[in-house]
Amino acid sequence: MRNGTNLVITSAEASPSTEETTWSLTGAFIGFLSWLLALGIPFLIYGPNTLFFFLYTWPFFLALLPVAVIVGIALHSLLRGRLLFSCIATVLAVALMFGILFLWLMG
């Protein structure tokens, strides 16, 4: 037999009384919807000829999809889950990213 002592495990810390909520799903949904909205803005400005422009540049705009989702998550959590403010901020940020990319590609 080996000499050993019994260890008594006690809970020194009480569990936190308030749970922290995560806003990742709502922020991701807002980011995706603002990406779709920003994708439609060039069609409103330039009409159906935008399809010919997107024919060769679609990878650039597709690459903005995960960026828009992450921006939505980040802004929604930074604004502490305020839905209206995070929607407005995310739509403005994603539209600005799309506008900068669109103007850069147009040359």
N, C-alpha and C. Protein backbone atom coordinates (compact mmCIF):
# COMPACT_ATOMS: atom_id res chain seq x y z
N MET A 1 0.83 -1.18 0.00
CA MET A 1 0.00 0.00 0.00
C MET A 1 0.87 1.24 0.00
N ARG A 2 0.39 2.19 -0.65
CA ARG A 2 1.17 3.40 -0.73
C ARG A 2 0.59 4.44 0.22
N ASN A 3 1.48 5.26 0.73
CA ASN A 3 1.03 6.33 1.63
C ASN A 3 0.47 7.47 0.80
N GLY A 4 -0.65 7.92 1.14
CA GLY A 4 -1.27 9.04 0.41
C GLY A 4 -2.26 9.74 1.30
N THR A 5 -2.56 10.92 0.92
CA THR A 5 -3.54 11.69 1.69
C THR A 5 -4.76 11.93 0.83
N ASN A 6 -5.85 12.04 1.48
CA ASN A 6 -7.08 12.34 0.76
C ASN A 6 -7.14 13.84 0.45
N LEU A 7 -7.46 14.15 -0.78
CA LEU A 7 -7.61 15.55 -1.16
C LEU A 7 -9.07 15.92 -1.09
N VAL A 8 -9.32 17.03 -0.45
CA VAL A 8 -10.68 17.52 -0.34
C VAL A 8 -10.81 18.69 -1.31
N ILE A 9 -11.75 18.57 -2.22
CA ILE A 9 -11.96 19.62 -3.21
C ILE A 9 -13.13 20.48 -2.74
N THR A 10 -12.83 21.73 -2.53
CA THR A 10 -13.88 22.67 -2.13
C THR A 10 -14.01 23.72 -3.20
N SER A 11 -15.18 24.27 -3.29
CA SER A 11 -15.34 25.35 -4.27
C SER A 11 -15.05 26.66 -3.56
N ALA A 12 -13.91 27.23 -3.90
CA ALA A 12 -13.50 28.47 -3.27
C ALA A 12 -14.27 29.65 -3.84
N GLU A 13 -14.58 29.58 -5.14
CA GLU A 13 -15.29 30.68 -5.77
C GLU A 13 -16.73 30.27 -6.04
N ALA A 14 -17.61 31.19 -5.78
CA ALA A 14 -19.00 30.93 -6.11
C ALA A 14 -19.18 31.18 -7.61
N SER A 15 -20.13 30.49 -8.18
CA SER A 15 -20.36 30.68 -9.61
C SER A 15 -20.87 32.11 -9.85
N PRO A 16 -20.54 32.68 -11.00
CA PRO A 16 -20.97 34.05 -11.25
C PRO A 16 -22.49 34.14 -11.32
N SER A 17 -23.00 35.21 -10.73
CA SER A 17 -24.45 35.35 -10.67
C SER A 17 -25.03 35.80 -12.00
N THR A 18 -24.26 36.54 -12.78
CA THR A 18 -24.76 36.97 -14.08
C THR A 18 -24.01 36.23 -15.17
N GLU A 19 -24.76 35.73 -16.10
CA GLU A 19 -24.14 35.04 -17.22
C GLU A 19 -23.87 36.04 -18.33
N GLU A 20 -22.72 35.89 -18.94
CA GLU A 20 -22.41 36.75 -20.08
C GLU A 20 -23.03 36.14 -21.31
N THR A 21 -23.74 36.96 -22.04
CA THR A 21 -24.37 36.46 -23.26
C THR A 21 -23.43 36.68 -24.43
N THR A 22 -23.59 35.83 -25.41
CA THR A 22 -22.81 36.00 -26.63
C THR A 22 -23.74 36.48 -27.72
N TRP A 23 -23.21 37.36 -28.55
CA TRP A 23 -24.00 37.93 -29.61
C TRP A 23 -23.49 37.51 -30.97
N SER A 24 -22.83 36.38 -31.05
CA SER A 24 -22.20 36.03 -32.31
C SER A 24 -23.21 35.67 -33.39
N LEU A 25 -24.27 34.97 -33.04
CA LEU A 25 -25.23 34.57 -34.08
C LEU A 25 -25.99 35.77 -34.64
N THR A 26 -26.45 36.64 -33.77
CA THR A 26 -27.17 37.82 -34.24
C THR A 26 -26.25 38.74 -35.03
N GLY A 27 -25.02 38.92 -34.56
CA GLY A 27 -24.07 39.76 -35.28
C GLY A 27 -23.69 39.17 -36.62
N ALA A 28 -23.55 37.85 -36.69
CA ALA A 28 -23.24 37.20 -37.96
C ALA A 28 -24.39 37.35 -38.94
N PHE A 29 -25.61 37.24 -38.45
CA PHE A 29 -26.78 37.40 -39.31
C PHE A 29 -26.86 38.84 -39.83
N ILE A 30 -26.59 39.81 -38.99
CA ILE A 30 -26.59 41.21 -39.41
C ILE A 30 -25.49 41.45 -40.44
N GLY A 31 -24.31 40.86 -40.21
CA GLY A 31 -23.21 41.01 -41.17
C GLY A 31 -23.54 40.41 -42.52
N PHE A 32 -24.18 39.23 -42.52
CA PHE A 32 -24.55 38.60 -43.78
C PHE A 32 -25.60 39.41 -44.52
N LEU A 33 -26.61 39.89 -43.81
CA LEU A 33 -27.64 40.69 -44.45
C LEU A 33 -27.10 42.01 -44.99
N SER A 34 -26.17 42.62 -44.28
CA SER A 34 -25.59 43.85 -44.78
C SER A 34 -24.68 43.59 -45.98
N TRP A 35 -24.06 42.40 -46.05
CA TRP A 35 -23.29 42.03 -47.23
C TRP A 35 -24.21 41.89 -48.44
N LEU A 36 -25.36 41.23 -48.24
CA LEU A 36 -26.32 41.11 -49.33
C LEU A 36 -26.85 42.47 -49.78
N LEU A 37 -27.11 43.33 -48.83
CA LEU A 37 -27.58 44.67 -49.15
C LEU A 37 -26.52 45.45 -49.92
N ALA A 38 -25.28 45.35 -49.46
CA ALA A 38 -24.20 46.06 -50.15
C ALA A 38 -23.94 45.47 -51.53
N LEU A 39 -24.20 44.20 -51.71
CA LEU A 39 -24.05 43.59 -53.02
C LEU A 39 -25.10 44.11 -53.99
N GLY A 40 -26.24 44.49 -53.49
CA GLY A 40 -27.30 45.01 -54.35
C GLY A 40 -27.19 46.48 -54.69
N ILE A 41 -26.39 47.22 -53.94
CA ILE A 41 -26.26 48.66 -54.19
C ILE A 41 -25.71 48.97 -55.58
N PRO A 42 -24.66 48.28 -56.09
CA PRO A 42 -24.21 48.59 -57.46
C PRO A 42 -25.27 48.33 -58.52
N PHE A 43 -26.17 47.37 -58.27
CA PHE A 43 -27.25 47.13 -59.22
C PHE A 43 -28.23 48.30 -59.25
N LEU A 44 -28.43 48.92 -58.10
CA LEU A 44 -29.32 50.08 -58.05
C LEU A 44 -28.70 51.28 -58.75
N ILE A 45 -27.38 51.42 -58.66
CA ILE A 45 -26.71 52.57 -59.26
C ILE A 45 -26.47 52.38 -60.75
N TYR A 46 -25.90 51.23 -61.13
CA TYR A 46 -25.46 51.02 -62.51
C TYR A 46 -26.40 50.14 -63.34
N GLY A 47 -27.37 49.53 -62.74
CA GLY A 47 -28.33 48.73 -63.47
C GLY A 47 -27.81 47.33 -63.78
N PRO A 48 -28.42 46.67 -64.77
CA PRO A 48 -28.07 45.27 -65.05
C PRO A 48 -26.68 45.09 -65.65
N ASN A 49 -26.03 46.14 -66.11
CA ASN A 49 -24.67 46.01 -66.64
C ASN A 49 -23.66 45.65 -65.55
N THR A 50 -24.08 45.73 -64.31
CA THR A 50 -23.20 45.37 -63.20
C THR A 50 -22.83 43.89 -63.25
N LEU A 51 -23.69 43.08 -63.83
CA LEU A 51 -23.39 41.65 -63.94
C LEU A 51 -22.12 41.40 -64.74
N PHE A 52 -21.88 42.17 -65.79
CA PHE A 52 -20.67 42.02 -66.57
C PHE A 52 -19.43 42.40 -65.76
N PHE A 53 -19.59 43.39 -64.90
CA PHE A 53 -18.49 43.79 -64.02
C PHE A 53 -18.21 42.70 -62.98
N PHE A 54 -19.29 42.13 -62.43
CA PHE A 54 -19.12 41.08 -61.43
C PHE A 54 -18.62 39.77 -62.04
N LEU A 55 -18.71 39.62 -63.34
CA LEU A 55 -18.28 38.40 -63.99
C LEU A 55 -16.80 38.13 -63.73
N TYR A 56 -15.99 39.16 -63.71
CA TYR A 56 -14.55 39.00 -63.51
C TYR A 56 -14.09 39.38 -62.11
N THR A 57 -14.90 40.07 -61.37
CA THR A 57 -14.45 40.56 -60.06
C THR A 57 -15.17 39.90 -58.89
N TRP A 58 -15.96 38.84 -59.13
CA TRP A 58 -16.72 38.24 -58.05
C TRP A 58 -15.86 37.70 -56.91
N PRO A 59 -14.60 37.23 -57.15
CA PRO A 59 -13.84 36.75 -55.98
C PRO A 59 -13.53 37.84 -54.96
N PHE A 60 -13.36 39.07 -55.44
CA PHE A 60 -13.09 40.16 -54.50
C PHE A 60 -14.29 40.42 -53.60
N PHE A 61 -15.48 40.41 -54.19
CA PHE A 61 -16.68 40.67 -53.41
C PHE A 61 -17.05 39.47 -52.54
N LEU A 62 -16.75 38.28 -53.02
CA LEU A 62 -16.99 37.09 -52.20
C LEU A 62 -16.04 37.06 -51.00
N ALA A 63 -14.85 37.59 -51.17
CA ALA A 63 -13.90 37.64 -50.06
C ALA A 63 -14.35 38.59 -48.97
N LEU A 64 -15.23 39.52 -49.29
CA LEU A 64 -15.75 40.43 -48.28
C LEU A 64 -16.85 39.80 -47.41
N LEU A 65 -17.34 38.63 -47.80
CA LEU A 65 -18.39 37.98 -47.01
C LEU A 65 -17.93 37.63 -45.59
N PRO A 66 -16.81 36.90 -45.42
CA PRO A 66 -16.41 36.63 -44.02
C PRO A 66 -16.00 37.88 -43.27
N VAL A 67 -15.48 38.86 -43.99
CA VAL A 67 -15.11 40.13 -43.34
C VAL A 67 -16.37 40.82 -42.84
N ALA A 68 -17.42 40.82 -43.64
CA ALA A 68 -18.68 41.44 -43.23
C ALA A 68 -19.30 40.72 -42.04
N VAL A 69 -19.21 39.40 -42.01
CA VAL A 69 -19.76 38.64 -40.89
C VAL A 69 -18.97 38.94 -39.62
N ILE A 70 -17.66 39.01 -39.72
CA ILE A 70 -16.84 39.31 -38.54
C ILE A 70 -17.06 40.75 -38.07
N VAL A 71 -17.22 41.67 -39.01
CA VAL A 71 -17.53 43.05 -38.63
C VAL A 71 -18.88 43.12 -37.93
N GLY A 72 -19.84 42.35 -38.42
CA GLY A 72 -21.15 42.31 -37.75
C GLY A 72 -21.07 41.77 -36.34
N ILE A 73 -20.30 40.71 -36.16
CA ILE A 73 -20.14 40.14 -34.81
C ILE A 73 -19.42 41.13 -33.90
N ALA A 74 -18.36 41.74 -34.41
CA ALA A 74 -17.57 42.66 -33.59
C ALA A 74 -18.38 43.89 -33.19
N LEU A 75 -19.07 44.49 -34.15
CA LEU A 75 -19.83 45.70 -33.82
C LEU A 75 -21.02 45.38 -32.93
N HIS A 76 -21.64 44.23 -33.12
CA HIS A 76 -22.78 43.87 -32.28
C HIS A 76 -22.34 43.61 -30.84
N SER A 77 -21.17 43.02 -30.66
CA SER A 77 -20.71 42.79 -29.29
C SER A 77 -20.12 44.07 -28.68
N LEU A 78 -19.49 44.92 -29.50
CA LEU A 78 -18.98 46.18 -28.96
C LEU A 78 -20.10 47.13 -28.54
N LEU A 79 -21.21 47.06 -29.24
CA LEU A 79 -22.35 47.91 -28.89
C LEU A 79 -23.27 47.24 -27.88
N ARG A 80 -22.80 46.16 -27.27
CA ARG A 80 -23.47 45.43 -26.18
C ARG A 80 -24.87 44.95 -26.57
N GLY A 81 -24.99 44.48 -27.79
CA GLY A 81 -26.23 43.85 -28.21
C GLY A 81 -27.36 44.79 -28.56
N ARG A 82 -27.09 46.07 -28.69
CA ARG A 82 -28.14 47.01 -29.11
C ARG A 82 -28.39 46.80 -30.59
N LEU A 83 -29.52 46.25 -30.90
CA LEU A 83 -29.80 45.77 -32.25
C LEU A 83 -29.86 46.90 -33.27
N LEU A 84 -30.53 47.97 -32.96
CA LEU A 84 -30.69 49.06 -33.92
C LEU A 84 -29.36 49.71 -34.24
N PHE A 85 -28.58 50.03 -33.21
CA PHE A 85 -27.29 50.67 -33.44
C PHE A 85 -26.31 49.76 -34.16
N SER A 86 -26.33 48.48 -33.81
CA SER A 86 -25.41 47.56 -34.47
C SER A 86 -25.81 47.32 -35.92
N CYS A 87 -27.10 47.31 -36.22
CA CYS A 87 -27.54 47.17 -37.61
C CYS A 87 -27.08 48.36 -38.44
N ILE A 88 -27.29 49.55 -37.92
CA ILE A 88 -26.90 50.75 -38.66
C ILE A 88 -25.39 50.81 -38.84
N ALA A 89 -24.64 50.53 -37.78
CA ALA A 89 -23.17 50.60 -37.88
C ALA A 89 -22.62 49.53 -38.81
N THR A 90 -23.19 48.33 -38.78
CA THR A 90 -22.71 47.25 -39.65
C THR A 90 -23.03 47.54 -41.11
N VAL A 91 -24.23 48.00 -41.38
CA VAL A 91 -24.60 48.32 -42.77
C VAL A 91 -23.70 49.43 -43.31
N LEU A 92 -23.44 50.45 -42.51
CA LEU A 92 -22.57 51.53 -42.96
C LEU A 92 -21.13 51.06 -43.19
N ALA A 93 -20.62 50.23 -42.28
CA ALA A 93 -19.24 49.75 -42.42
C ALA A 93 -19.08 48.83 -43.63
N VAL A 94 -20.03 47.93 -43.83
CA VAL A 94 -19.93 47.00 -44.96
C VAL A 94 -20.16 47.73 -46.28
N ALA A 95 -21.08 48.68 -46.31
CA ALA A 95 -21.30 49.46 -47.52
C ALA A 95 -20.07 50.30 -47.86
N LEU A 96 -19.41 50.80 -46.85
CA LEU A 96 -18.17 51.55 -47.08
C LEU A 96 -17.08 50.65 -47.63
N MET A 97 -16.97 49.42 -47.11
CA MET A 97 -15.98 48.47 -47.64
C MET A 97 -16.29 48.12 -49.10
N PHE A 98 -17.55 47.89 -49.40
CA PHE A 98 -17.94 47.58 -50.77
C PHE A 98 -17.67 48.76 -51.68
N GLY A 99 -17.99 49.96 -51.22
CA GLY A 99 -17.77 51.15 -52.04
C GLY A 99 -16.30 51.38 -52.34
N ILE A 100 -15.47 51.20 -51.34
CA ILE A 100 -14.03 51.36 -51.55
C ILE A 100 -13.51 50.33 -52.53
N LEU A 101 -13.93 49.07 -52.38
CA LEU A 101 -13.49 48.02 -53.30
C LEU A 101 -14.03 48.26 -54.71
N PHE A 102 -15.28 48.67 -54.81
CA PHE A 102 -15.87 48.90 -56.12
C PHE A 102 -15.16 50.05 -56.83
N LEU A 103 -14.89 51.13 -56.11
CA LEU A 103 -14.20 52.25 -56.73
C LEU A 103 -12.75 51.91 -57.09
N TRP A 104 -12.11 51.09 -56.27
CA TRP A 104 -10.73 50.68 -56.57
C TRP A 104 -10.68 49.82 -57.83
N LEU A 105 -11.66 48.91 -57.97
CA LEU A 105 -11.69 48.04 -59.14
C LEU A 105 -12.10 48.80 -60.40
N MET A 106 -12.92 49.84 -60.24
CA MET A 106 -13.33 50.63 -61.41
C MET A 106 -12.18 51.48 -61.93
N GLY A 107 -11.21 51.72 -61.07
CA GLY A 107 -9.98 52.33 -61.50
C GLY A 107 -9.85 53.77 -61.44
